[in-house]
């Protein structure tokens, strides 16, 4: 039994937590609210914690002459490594939890039960602070419950407190399907929350010498979906505004209130430095000027990026800036070749923060646009952009969700425009490109288009299941028809690694018959999971 959390225990927790996540990696990957075989939360957590362990191994003995304690230094290394290696939303959130945990106890002489409870609460607060309107039923709920369980133990007995935290987290995890209808429909608990429970069980084992991991919980009966609201960004807002901000915590609190009143999808993440830190600010608004002015009132905003979702903003005046590049995330050899032909630096799919940062720096450009092509990678790209600023590189992230959107964005790139104007034009082109994915269901599930069974063909339009079929070619043709029914002049088809021969030819022929004035471009994409990706412009 250990009565304090020292640097050696932090090292063992990181190593044993990583080993435990590797054992549960497949299980966590399967906790996927969509019935397609691309769940990767377990994989992302493993890769994120691998980076944390590498940071500890390389730098644990480099304790500064002044500053944090040895255990605080170890925890901060763990958090920084997790941030640089973060993959997907789950990895980014874990890095925020670890940062809050480390900041709370960095200067505390000894971490016992009550200090651990305070550290968990700080980690929970750091994760919640990153999101303007947190969604319950996720890892946020689970870490908050762990902190509450530790606080209710009300003891300096470290093993007793960490056991209480792990029990409370497991209980909260079992309730997540009651809070998110998508989890209830799929019959699973939250994947990120499950990963956090695995890490807390590993901490229990390190501090007590006991190996008593909590089993994966069975979802409880959930309330009907109509009784639970799920947050999404509103189409009411036309612009995405992002910037870095040097400011103090109190000023940021005021900024958060001001931006929350202007729009939605508000996320503000800080680096934890006091009294004045660097913050990454993201919001969707209609009044871009008011959002930027709110940043000016709070501190010093810079690396301001505006992405147009609807109406064209007035282009800012100023000289054209040279020395720019594009970094694109690509899964599939054919897709990578298409991006490389457009002059972009290509990064393999599901990169870490550090890998994206290395790609940005390798361009040698002072201004870089990043096209993530995935919602999870978007969070990693934003973290890489924040780190790139420390190297004097201005990075703008265009939130592409599919390779076809990135192709549309790269097609309008113009080096004669100001960088900011070029980013807006690329975002406009990406936003005007509707996308779809066709795949096979890997499990039985209830989708918005009805129930599906393993092996069914699913057509997802912008992430939501729209069609369920039995024949791949027929379903591909049907989803193109549905999308062209809303308008379109050009269709882009990317054939996947497992696409049958002649699939794109059959779809092309169908479009020629039904939509004779629509232009069709087809390429071998080589992407996994999805036999066909579709873009409509």
Protein backbone atom coordinates (compact mmCIF):
# COMPACT_ATOMS: atom_id res chain seq x y z
CA UNK A 1 0.00 0.00 0.00
CA UNK A 2 1.20 3.50 -0.84
CA UNK A 3 0.08 6.43 1.26
CA UNK A 4 1.30 9.09 -1.22
CA UNK A 5 1.49 9.44 -4.99
CA UNK A 6 5.18 10.03 -5.72
CA UNK A 7 7.05 10.32 -9.02
CA UNK A 8 7.81 6.59 -9.14
CA UNK A 9 4.11 5.82 -8.66
CA UNK A 10 3.23 8.23 -11.49
CA UNK A 11 5.64 6.39 -13.77
CA UNK A 12 4.14 3.01 -12.80
CA UNK A 13 0.59 4.35 -13.25
CA UNK A 14 1.38 5.53 -16.76
CA UNK A 15 2.98 2.19 -17.69
CA UNK A 16 0.29 0.02 -16.13
CA UNK A 17 -2.48 2.25 -17.49
CA UNK A 18 -1.03 1.89 -20.97
CA UNK A 19 -0.80 -1.88 -20.59
CA UNK A 20 -4.42 -2.03 -19.38
CA UNK A 21 -5.65 0.12 -22.27
CA UNK A 22 -3.86 -2.18 -24.70
CA UNK A 23 -5.66 -5.18 -23.14
CA UNK A 24 -9.03 -3.41 -23.47
CA UNK A 25 -8.26 -1.66 -26.77
CA UNK A 26 -10.48 -3.88 -28.92
CA UNK A 27 -13.35 -3.73 -26.42
CA UNK A 28 -13.24 0.07 -26.27
CA UNK A 29 -12.96 0.36 -30.06
CA UNK A 30 -16.20 -1.64 -30.33
CA UNK A 31 -18.09 0.86 -28.17
CA UNK A 32 -19.14 2.75 -31.26
CA UNK A 33 -22.47 4.51 -31.72
CA UNK A 34 -22.48 3.90 -35.48
CA UNK A 35 -22.72 0.36 -36.86
CA UNK A 36 -19.59 0.63 -39.00
CA UNK A 37 -16.23 -1.00 -38.19
CA UNK A 38 -14.18 2.17 -37.72
CA UNK A 39 -14.45 2.70 -33.96
CA UNK A 40 -11.04 3.85 -32.74
CA UNK A 41 -11.41 5.35 -29.27
CA UNK A 42 -9.41 2.53 -27.66
CA UNK A 43 -6.69 2.88 -30.27
CA UNK A 44 -6.57 6.65 -29.83
CA UNK A 45 -6.26 6.35 -26.05
CA UNK A 46 -3.46 3.78 -26.39
CA UNK A 47 -1.52 6.02 -28.78
CA UNK A 48 -2.10 9.08 -26.59
CA UNK A 49 -0.84 7.37 -23.45
CA UNK A 50 2.08 5.86 -25.37
CA UNK A 51 3.24 9.40 -26.06
CA UNK A 52 2.79 10.27 -22.38
CA UNK A 53 4.94 7.31 -21.35
CA UNK A 54 7.64 8.28 -23.84
CA UNK A 55 7.72 11.81 -22.42
CA UNK A 56 8.16 10.39 -18.92
CA UNK A 57 10.90 7.99 -20.01
CA UNK A 58 12.91 10.72 -21.73
CA UNK A 59 12.50 13.58 -19.26
CA UNK A 60 11.58 12.29 -15.81
CA UNK A 61 15.10 12.82 -14.45
CA UNK A 62 15.27 16.43 -15.67
CA UNK A 63 13.60 18.03 -12.63
CA UNK A 64 13.99 21.83 -12.78
CA UNK A 65 15.99 23.54 -10.05
CA UNK A 66 12.85 25.41 -9.00
CA UNK A 67 9.16 24.92 -9.65
CA UNK A 68 7.09 21.78 -9.25
CA UNK A 69 7.75 18.86 -6.97
CA UNK A 70 9.12 15.60 -8.37
CA UNK A 71 5.63 14.09 -8.61
CA UNK A 72 4.28 17.34 -10.08
CA UNK A 73 7.05 17.36 -12.67
CA UNK A 74 6.25 13.76 -13.60
CA UNK A 75 2.53 14.49 -13.93
CA UNK A 76 3.20 17.55 -16.08
CA UNK A 77 5.47 15.54 -18.36
CA UNK A 78 2.74 12.94 -18.62
CA UNK A 79 0.16 15.60 -19.50
CA UNK A 80 2.41 17.35 -22.04
CA UNK A 81 3.28 14.02 -23.68
CA UNK A 82 -0.40 13.17 -23.86
CA UNK A 83 -1.16 16.52 -25.51
CA UNK A 84 1.53 16.14 -28.17
CA UNK A 85 0.50 12.54 -28.85
CA UNK A 86 -3.25 13.10 -28.54
CA UNK A 87 -5.31 11.35 -31.19
CA UNK A 88 -9.00 12.04 -31.61
CA UNK A 89 -11.33 13.83 -29.22
CA UNK A 90 -10.79 11.16 -26.58
CA UNK A 91 -7.03 11.76 -26.55
CA UNK A 92 -7.40 15.54 -26.42
CA UNK A 93 -9.86 15.32 -23.52
CA UNK A 94 -7.59 12.89 -21.65
CA UNK A 95 -4.69 15.33 -22.03
CA UNK A 96 -6.86 18.10 -20.51
CA UNK A 97 -7.81 15.86 -17.58
CA UNK A 98 -4.14 15.06 -16.94
CA UNK A 99 -3.19 18.73 -17.22
CA UNK A 100 -5.76 19.77 -14.63
CA UNK A 101 -4.69 16.89 -12.38
CA UNK A 102 -1.03 17.91 -12.65
CA UNK A 103 -1.65 21.62 -12.09
CA UNK A 104 -3.55 20.94 -8.86
CA UNK A 105 -0.82 18.90 -7.14
CA UNK A 106 2.39 20.17 -8.80
CA UNK A 107 3.34 22.25 -5.76
CA UNK A 108 1.77 20.06 -3.05
CA UNK A 109 4.45 18.38 -0.88
CA UNK A 110 2.57 15.06 -0.64
CA UNK A 111 -0.43 13.74 -2.56
CA UNK A 112 -2.72 11.86 -0.17
CA UNK A 113 -6.43 11.16 -0.33
CA UNK A 114 -7.80 14.69 -0.15
CA UNK A 115 -5.16 15.99 -2.54
CA UNK A 116 -6.07 13.25 -5.01
CA UNK A 117 -9.73 14.22 -4.78
CA UNK A 118 -8.83 17.85 -5.49
CA UNK A 119 -6.67 16.77 -8.44
CA UNK A 120 -9.53 14.77 -9.95
CA UNK A 121 -11.85 17.73 -9.54
CA UNK A 122 -9.31 20.00 -11.23
CA UNK A 123 -8.94 17.51 -14.08
CA UNK A 124 -12.70 17.37 -14.48
CA UNK A 125 -12.94 21.18 -14.49
CA UNK A 126 -10.22 21.45 -17.15
CA UNK A 127 -12.11 19.05 -19.40
CA UNK A 128 -15.48 20.77 -18.88
CA UNK A 129 -13.98 24.22 -19.37
CA UNK A 130 -12.94 23.25 -22.88
CA UNK A 131 -16.59 22.96 -23.97
CA UNK A 132 -19.14 25.77 -23.71
CA UNK A 133 -22.14 23.43 -23.34
CA UNK A 134 -20.86 20.05 -22.16
CA UNK A 135 -22.80 16.96 -23.20
CA UNK A 136 -23.53 14.53 -20.38
CA UNK A 137 -23.22 10.82 -20.93
CA UNK A 138 -19.60 11.16 -22.08
CA UNK A 139 -16.18 10.92 -20.46
CA UNK A 140 -16.91 14.35 -18.93
CA UNK A 141 -19.67 12.80 -16.84
CA UNK A 142 -17.44 9.91 -15.81
CA UNK A 143 -14.50 12.06 -14.64
CA UNK A 144 -16.87 14.35 -12.72
CA UNK A 145 -18.35 11.32 -10.94
CA UNK A 146 -14.87 10.06 -10.08
CA UNK A 147 -14.05 13.42 -8.48
CA UNK A 148 -17.32 13.40 -6.53
CA UNK A 149 -16.71 9.85 -5.30
CA UNK A 150 -13.23 10.81 -4.12
CA UNK A 151 -14.53 13.92 -2.34
CA UNK A 152 -17.27 11.97 -0.58
CA UNK A 153 -14.68 9.57 0.81
CA UNK A 154 -13.40 12.61 2.77
CA UNK A 155 -10.17 10.94 3.86
CA UNK A 156 -6.40 11.26 3.66
CA UNK A 157 -6.24 7.51 3.07
CA UNK A 158 -5.03 7.51 -0.55
CA UNK A 159 -5.95 3.88 -1.43
CA UNK A 160 -9.45 4.30 0.04
CA UNK A 161 -10.03 7.50 -1.91
CA UNK A 162 -8.84 6.14 -5.25
CA UNK A 163 -11.03 3.04 -4.78
CA UNK A 164 -14.01 5.31 -4.14
CA UNK A 165 -13.21 7.32 -7.28
CA UNK A 166 -12.97 4.19 -9.44
CA UNK A 167 -16.27 2.81 -8.10
CA UNK A 168 -18.07 6.10 -8.71
CA UNK A 169 -16.68 6.33 -12.24
CA UNK A 170 -17.83 2.78 -13.07
CA UNK A 171 -21.30 3.55 -11.74
CA UNK A 172 -21.52 6.75 -13.80
CA UNK A 173 -20.37 4.86 -16.88
CA UNK A 174 -23.22 2.38 -16.53
CA UNK A 175 -25.70 5.28 -16.70
CA UNK A 176 -24.30 6.91 -19.85
CA UNK A 177 -26.86 5.20 -22.17
CA UNK A 178 -29.62 6.89 -20.17
CA UNK A 179 -28.10 10.26 -21.06
CA UNK A 180 -27.22 9.78 -24.75
CA UNK A 181 -29.85 8.15 -26.98
CA UNK A 182 -27.22 7.11 -29.53
CA UNK A 183 -25.55 4.94 -26.88
CA UNK A 184 -28.88 3.43 -25.88
CA UNK A 185 -29.76 2.59 -29.49
CA UNK A 186 -26.42 0.87 -30.01
CA UNK A 187 -26.58 -0.91 -26.64
CA UNK A 188 -23.19 0.39 -25.46
CA UNK A 189 -21.66 2.67 -22.85
CA UNK A 190 -19.47 5.66 -23.66
CA UNK A 191 -16.10 4.58 -25.08
CA UNK A 192 -14.07 7.46 -23.65
CA UNK A 193 -15.63 6.96 -20.24
CA UNK A 194 -14.77 3.27 -20.36
CA UNK A 195 -11.16 4.16 -21.14
CA UNK A 196 -11.01 6.50 -18.15
CA UNK A 197 -12.35 3.73 -15.90
CA UNK A 198 -9.56 1.45 -17.13
CA UNK A 199 -7.00 4.12 -16.18
CA UNK A 200 -8.52 4.60 -12.72
CA UNK A 201 -8.47 0.83 -12.15
CA UNK A 202 -4.78 0.89 -13.06
CA UNK A 203 -4.18 3.64 -10.49
CA UNK A 204 -5.97 1.52 -7.86
CA UNK A 205 -3.65 -1.39 -8.69
CA UNK A 206 -0.53 0.80 -8.43
CA UNK A 207 -1.50 2.29 -5.06
CA UNK A 208 -2.91 -0.84 -3.42
CA UNK A 209 -1.11 -3.71 -5.10
CA UNK A 210 -4.52 -5.20 -5.86
CA UNK A 211 -5.67 -5.99 -9.38
CA UNK A 212 -9.43 -5.65 -9.29
CA UNK A 213 -10.49 -3.97 -12.56
CA UNK A 214 -14.14 -3.14 -12.94
CA UNK A 215 -15.83 -5.22 -15.67
CA UNK A 216 -17.39 -3.44 -18.59
CA UNK A 217 -20.87 -2.43 -17.41
CA UNK A 218 -24.08 -3.56 -19.02
CA UNK A 219 -26.12 -0.55 -20.17
CA UNK A 220 -29.17 0.13 -18.05
CA UNK A 221 -32.59 0.62 -19.59
CA UNK A 222 -32.56 4.03 -21.17
CA UNK A 223 -35.24 6.65 -21.29
CA UNK A 224 -36.85 7.18 -24.71
CA UNK A 225 -34.67 9.20 -27.03
CA UNK A 226 -37.19 12.04 -27.17
CA UNK A 227 -36.60 12.83 -23.49
CA UNK A 228 -32.90 13.59 -23.90
CA UNK A 229 -31.53 16.47 -25.99
CA UNK A 230 -28.21 16.09 -27.76
CA UNK A 231 -26.14 19.15 -28.63
CA UNK A 232 -25.30 19.99 -32.24
CA UNK A 233 -24.09 23.18 -33.88
CA UNK A 234 -26.90 25.30 -35.27
CA UNK A 235 -27.20 26.22 -38.96
CA UNK A 236 -28.25 29.66 -37.70
CA UNK A 237 -24.61 30.76 -37.50
CA UNK A 238 -22.67 31.47 -40.70
CA UNK A 239 -19.06 31.85 -39.57
CA UNK A 240 -16.49 29.89 -37.59
CA UNK A 241 -14.06 32.17 -35.75
CA UNK A 242 -10.84 30.82 -34.23
CA UNK A 243 -7.93 32.61 -32.59
CA UNK A 244 -5.22 32.26 -30.00
CA UNK A 245 -5.44 34.59 -27.01
CA UNK A 246 -2.92 35.66 -24.38
CA UNK A 247 -5.00 36.54 -21.33
CA UNK A 248 -5.64 35.83 -17.66
CA UNK A 249 -8.26 33.43 -16.38
CA UNK A 250 -10.70 36.08 -15.17
CA UNK A 251 -10.64 37.86 -18.54
CA UNK A 252 -11.29 34.55 -20.27
CA UNK A 253 -14.31 33.93 -18.05
CA UNK A 254 -15.76 37.21 -19.34
CA UNK A 255 -14.87 36.29 -22.91
CA UNK A 256 -16.63 32.95 -22.53
CA UNK A 257 -19.84 34.72 -21.43
CA UNK A 258 -19.59 37.24 -24.27
CA UNK A 259 -19.03 34.63 -26.99
CA UNK A 260 -21.67 32.30 -25.60
CA UNK A 261 -24.18 35.12 -26.07
CA UNK A 262 -23.04 35.64 -29.67
CA UNK A 263 -23.21 32.08 -31.01
CA UNK A 264 -22.68 28.38 -30.30
CA UNK A 265 -20.10 25.57 -30.60
CA UNK A 266 -17.92 27.53 -28.16
CA UNK A 267 -14.68 25.84 -27.07
CA UNK A 268 -11.93 27.58 -25.10
CA UNK A 269 -8.87 25.53 -24.07
CA UNK A 270 -5.89 26.91 -22.14
CA UNK A 271 -2.32 25.73 -21.60
CA UNK A 272 -2.59 26.04 -17.82
CA UNK A 273 0.03 28.76 -17.33
CA UNK A 274 -0.60 31.41 -14.67
CA UNK A 275 -1.25 34.26 -14.20
CA UNK A 276 -1.53 34.76 -17.97
CA UNK A 277 -1.74 31.82 -20.33
CA UNK A 278 -2.39 31.07 -23.99
CA UNK A 279 -5.93 30.05 -24.93
CA UNK A 280 -7.33 28.51 -28.11
CA UNK A 281 -10.75 30.04 -28.84
CA UNK A 282 -13.36 28.58 -31.24
CA UNK A 283 -16.94 29.76 -31.81
CA UNK A 284 -19.66 29.85 -34.49
CA UNK A 285 -21.22 33.31 -34.89
CA UNK A 286 -22.89 35.67 -37.33
CA UNK A 287 -21.10 38.81 -36.10
CA UNK A 288 -17.40 38.16 -36.72
CA UNK A 289 -16.39 41.66 -35.65
CA UNK A 290 -18.09 41.35 -32.28
CA UNK A 291 -16.35 38.02 -31.65
CA UNK A 292 -12.93 39.46 -32.41
CA UNK A 293 -13.66 42.61 -30.38
CA UNK A 294 -14.56 40.38 -27.42
CA UNK A 295 -11.12 38.79 -27.79
CA UNK A 296 -9.45 42.21 -27.87
CA UNK A 297 -11.32 43.19 -24.71
CA UNK A 298 -10.08 40.03 -22.96
CA UNK A 299 -6.43 40.15 -23.97
CA UNK A 300 -4.23 39.88 -27.06
CA UNK A 301 -5.82 37.80 -29.83
CA UNK A 302 -3.70 36.61 -32.74
CA UNK A 303 -3.74 33.94 -35.46
CA UNK A 304 -7.32 34.98 -36.14
CA UNK A 305 -9.05 32.65 -38.60
CA UNK A 306 -12.53 33.11 -40.08
CA UNK A 307 -14.23 30.27 -41.96
CA UNK A 308 -17.34 31.06 -43.97
CA UNK A 309 -20.19 28.59 -43.75
CA UNK A 310 -22.76 30.67 -45.67
CA UNK A 311 -22.37 34.30 -46.76
CA UNK A 312 -19.11 35.74 -48.13
CA UNK A 313 -17.51 38.17 -45.66
CA UNK A 314 -15.86 41.37 -46.77
CA UNK A 315 -12.28 40.45 -47.71
CA UNK A 316 -9.67 42.15 -45.56
CA UNK A 317 -7.21 44.43 -47.30
CA UNK A 318 -3.45 44.05 -47.18
CA UNK A 319 -0.48 42.63 -49.01
CA UNK A 320 -0.28 39.09 -50.32
CA UNK A 321 1.83 36.93 -48.03
CA UNK A 322 4.19 34.33 -49.48
CA UNK A 323 5.57 31.18 -47.89
CA UNK A 324 2.45 29.08 -47.40
CA UNK A 325 1.60 25.37 -47.57
CA UNK A 326 -1.17 22.84 -47.06
CA UNK A 327 -1.10 19.75 -44.84
CA UNK A 328 -3.76 17.12 -45.48
CA UNK A 329 -4.63 13.97 -43.51
CA UNK A 330 -5.27 11.02 -45.86
CA UNK A 331 -6.28 7.40 -45.33
CA UNK A 332 -5.72 5.42 -48.52
CA UNK A 333 -2.90 5.37 -51.05
CA UNK A 334 -4.96 6.70 -53.93
CA UNK A 335 -6.30 9.60 -51.88
CA UNK A 336 -2.77 10.44 -50.72
CA UNK A 337 -1.58 10.57 -54.35
CA UNK A 338 -4.42 12.95 -55.27
CA UNK A 339 -3.47 15.33 -52.46
CA UNK A 340 0.23 15.12 -53.27
CA UNK A 341 -0.55 15.99 -56.89
CA UNK A 342 -2.21 19.17 -55.57
CA UNK A 343 1.05 20.11 -53.86
CA UNK A 344 -0.07 19.25 -50.31
CA UNK A 345 2.00 17.58 -47.60
CA UNK A 346 0.22 14.32 -46.77
CA UNK A 347 0.00 12.81 -43.27
CA UNK A 348 -1.33 9.25 -42.80
CA UNK A 349 -4.75 8.86 -41.17
CA UNK A 350 -5.32 9.21 -37.42
CA UNK A 351 -2.17 11.24 -36.70
CA UNK A 352 -1.01 12.45 -33.31
CA UNK A 353 -0.60 16.10 -32.41
CA UNK A 354 3.16 15.68 -32.67
CA UNK A 355 2.97 14.07 -36.10
CA UNK A 356 0.81 16.88 -37.46
CA UNK A 357 3.12 19.45 -35.89
CA UNK A 358 6.13 17.77 -37.52
CA UNK A 359 4.35 17.85 -40.90
CA UNK A 360 3.53 21.55 -40.49
CA UNK A 361 7.13 22.38 -39.59
CA UNK A 362 8.51 20.21 -42.41
CA UNK A 363 6.82 22.45 -45.00
CA UNK A 364 9.15 25.31 -44.10
CA UNK A 365 6.24 27.71 -44.62
CA UNK A 366 5.24 30.52 -42.29
CA UNK A 367 1.52 30.02 -43.03
CA UNK A 368 -0.06 26.60 -43.28
CA UNK A 369 -3.62 25.42 -43.77
CA UNK A 370 -4.50 22.00 -42.32
CA UNK A 371 -7.30 19.83 -43.72
CA UNK A 372 -8.09 17.09 -41.14
CA UNK A 373 -10.85 15.23 -43.07
CA UNK A 374 -12.32 13.79 -39.86
CA UNK A 375 -14.10 15.20 -36.82
CA UNK A 376 -11.74 13.52 -34.34
CA UNK A 377 -8.64 14.66 -36.22
CA UNK A 378 -9.98 18.22 -36.18
CA UNK A 379 -9.38 18.39 -32.42
CA UNK A 380 -5.85 17.05 -32.88
CA UNK A 381 -5.22 19.57 -35.68
CA UNK A 382 -6.31 22.44 -33.42
CA UNK A 383 -3.87 21.26 -30.74
CA UNK A 384 -1.09 21.06 -33.34
CA UNK A 385 -1.95 24.57 -34.54
CA UNK A 386 -1.61 25.87 -31.00
CA UNK A 387 1.80 24.23 -30.64
CA UNK A 388 2.91 25.49 -34.08
CA UNK A 389 2.36 29.06 -32.91
CA UNK A 390 5.21 28.57 -30.43
CA UNK A 391 7.45 27.99 -33.47
CA UNK A 392 6.26 31.16 -35.19
CA UNK A 393 4.01 29.40 -37.71
CA UNK A 394 0.49 30.60 -38.43
CA UNK A 395 -1.82 27.61 -38.92
CA UNK A 396 -5.48 27.70 -39.94
CA UNK A 397 -7.59 24.55 -39.70
CA UNK A 398 -10.36 24.18 -42.30
CA UNK A 399 -12.81 21.70 -40.70
CA UNK A 400 -13.13 19.22 -43.57
CA UNK A 401 -14.92 16.00 -42.66
CA UNK A 402 -14.19 13.99 -45.83
CA UNK A 403 -11.41 13.74 -48.43
CA UNK A 404 -13.83 14.94 -51.12
CA UNK A 405 -14.23 18.22 -49.22
CA UNK A 406 -10.45 18.59 -49.03
CA UNK A 407 -10.16 18.04 -52.78
CA UNK A 408 -12.73 20.79 -53.33
CA UNK A 409 -10.82 23.12 -50.99
CA UNK A 410 -7.45 22.49 -52.63
CA UNK A 411 -8.96 23.08 -56.09
CA UNK A 412 -9.62 26.76 -55.28
CA UNK A 413 -6.32 27.48 -53.53
CA UNK A 414 -4.71 30.64 -54.93
CA UNK A 415 -1.27 31.84 -53.86
CA UNK A 416 -1.97 35.34 -55.19
CA UNK A 417 -4.60 35.95 -52.50
CA UNK A 418 -3.86 36.93 -48.93
CA UNK A 419 -3.56 33.84 -46.77
CA UNK A 420 -6.67 34.73 -44.77
CA UNK A 421 -8.69 35.22 -47.95
CA UNK A 422 -7.41 31.93 -49.32
CA UNK A 423 -8.45 30.08 -46.17
CA UNK A 424 -11.93 31.58 -46.41
CA UNK A 425 -12.20 30.54 -50.08
CA UNK A 426 -11.06 27.00 -49.24
CA UNK A 427 -13.53 26.76 -46.37
CA UNK A 428 -16.28 28.01 -48.67
CA UNK A 429 -15.47 25.35 -51.28
CA UNK A 430 -15.29 22.61 -48.65
CA UNK A 431 -18.59 23.69 -47.10
CA UNK A 432 -20.28 23.71 -50.52
CA UNK A 433 -19.24 20.09 -51.10
CA UNK A 434 -21.76 17.65 -49.63
CA UNK A 435 -20.29 14.23 -48.86
CA UNK A 436 -21.46 10.67 -48.36
CA UNK A 437 -19.90 7.35 -47.37
CA UNK A 438 -21.12 3.87 -48.30
CA UNK A 439 -20.11 0.90 -46.16
CA UNK A 440 -21.30 -2.41 -44.74
CA UNK A 441 -22.85 -2.61 -41.27
CA UNK A 442 -20.75 -4.56 -38.79
CA UNK A 443 -23.46 -5.03 -36.17
CA UNK A 444 -27.18 -4.91 -35.63
CA UNK A 445 -28.31 -1.44 -34.68
CA UNK A 446 -31.14 1.06 -34.86
CA UNK A 447 -30.31 4.02 -37.13
CA UNK A 448 -32.30 7.08 -38.11
CA UNK A 449 -33.10 5.27 -41.37
CA UNK A 450 -34.38 2.20 -39.51
CA UNK A 451 -32.86 -1.02 -38.14
CA UNK A 452 -29.86 -2.59 -39.86
CA UNK A 453 -28.23 -6.02 -39.63
CA UNK A 454 -24.62 -7.10 -40.08
CA UNK A 455 -23.75 -7.06 -43.75
CA UNK A 456 -26.37 -4.50 -44.77
CA UNK A 457 -25.18 -1.69 -47.03
CA UNK A 458 -25.36 1.71 -45.31
CA UNK A 459 -25.21 5.07 -47.06
CA UNK A 460 -24.26 7.87 -44.65
CA UNK A 461 -24.80 11.45 -45.81
CA UNK A 462 -22.64 13.87 -43.81
CA UNK A 463 -22.30 11.34 -41.00
CA UNK A 464 -25.95 10.25 -40.69
CA UNK A 465 -27.39 7.00 -42.06
CA UNK A 466 -29.84 7.89 -44.86
CA UNK A 467 -30.25 4.62 -46.75
CA UNK A 468 -30.06 0.93 -45.88
CA UNK A 469 -29.78 -1.56 -48.74
CA UNK A 470 -28.68 -5.05 -49.64
CA UNK A 471 -26.87 -4.39 -52.94
CA UNK A 472 -23.75 -2.21 -52.91
CA UNK A 473 -24.05 -0.79 -56.44
CA UNK A 474 -27.76 -0.06 -56.13
CA UNK A 475 -27.26 1.70 -52.78
CA UNK A 476 -24.37 3.78 -54.16
CA UNK A 477 -26.52 4.88 -57.11
CA UNK A 478 -29.47 5.63 -54.82
CA UNK A 479 -27.47 7.87 -52.50
CA UNK A 480 -26.05 9.82 -55.46
CA UNK A 481 -29.61 10.30 -56.74
CA UNK A 482 -30.76 11.52 -53.35
CA UNK A 483 -27.92 14.02 -53.09
CA UNK A 484 -28.27 15.31 -56.66
CA UNK A 485 -31.96 15.81 -55.99
CA UNK A 486 -30.88 18.75 -53.84
CA UNK A 487 -28.78 20.21 -56.66
CA UNK A 488 -25.26 19.71 -57.92
CA UNK A 489 -23.08 20.08 -61.00
CA UNK A 490 -20.15 17.75 -60.29
CA UNK A 491 -19.83 14.33 -58.64
CA UNK A 492 -16.54 12.99 -57.24
CA UNK A 493 -16.26 9.25 -56.57
CA UNK A 494 -13.44 7.66 -54.55
CA UNK A 495 -13.31 3.85 -54.71
CA UNK A 496 -12.22 2.10 -51.51
CA UNK A 497 -9.66 -0.65 -51.04
CA UNK A 498 -12.39 -3.31 -50.94
CA UNK A 499 -14.57 -1.86 -53.69
CA UNK A 500 -15.57 -4.47 -56.29
CA UNK A 501 -14.26 -3.99 -59.81
CA UNK A 502 -16.46 -1.75 -61.90
CA UNK A 503 -18.26 -0.05 -58.99
CA UNK A 504 -17.39 3.52 -59.99
CA UNK A 505 -18.02 2.72 -63.68
CA UNK A 506 -21.52 1.51 -62.80
CA UNK A 507 -22.27 4.62 -60.75
CA UNK A 508 -20.84 6.87 -63.47
CA UNK A 509 -23.08 5.18 -66.07
CA UNK A 510 -26.11 5.59 -63.80
CA UNK A 511 -25.43 9.32 -63.39
CA UNK A 512 -25.00 9.71 -67.16
CA UNK A 513 -28.47 8.21 -67.69
CA UNK A 514 -30.30 9.99 -64.90
CA UNK A 515 -28.36 13.28 -64.71
CA UNK A 516 -26.91 13.90 -68.18
CA UNK A 517 -25.66 17.43 -67.43
CA UNK A 518 -23.71 16.44 -64.30
CA UNK A 519 -19.92 16.01 -64.55
CA UNK A 520 -18.45 12.88 -62.89
CA UNK A 521 -14.86 12.30 -61.76
CA UNK A 522 -13.85 8.88 -60.38
CA UNK A 523 -10.53 7.93 -58.73
CA UNK A 524 -9.09 4.94 -56.88
CA UNK A 525 -9.03 6.14 -53.27
CA UNK A 526 -7.84 3.01 -51.47
CA UNK A 527 -9.56 4.00 -48.21
CA UNK A 528 -10.51 1.21 -45.74
CA UNK A 529 -14.05 0.46 -44.50
CA UNK A 530 -15.83 2.53 -47.17
CA UNK A 531 -16.11 1.01 -50.69
CA UNK A 532 -17.22 4.41 -51.97
CA UNK A 533 -16.89 8.05 -50.93
CA UNK A 534 -19.06 10.57 -52.75
CA UNK A 535 -18.73 14.34 -53.12
CA UNK A 536 -21.38 16.61 -54.68
CA UNK A 537 -20.50 20.17 -55.70
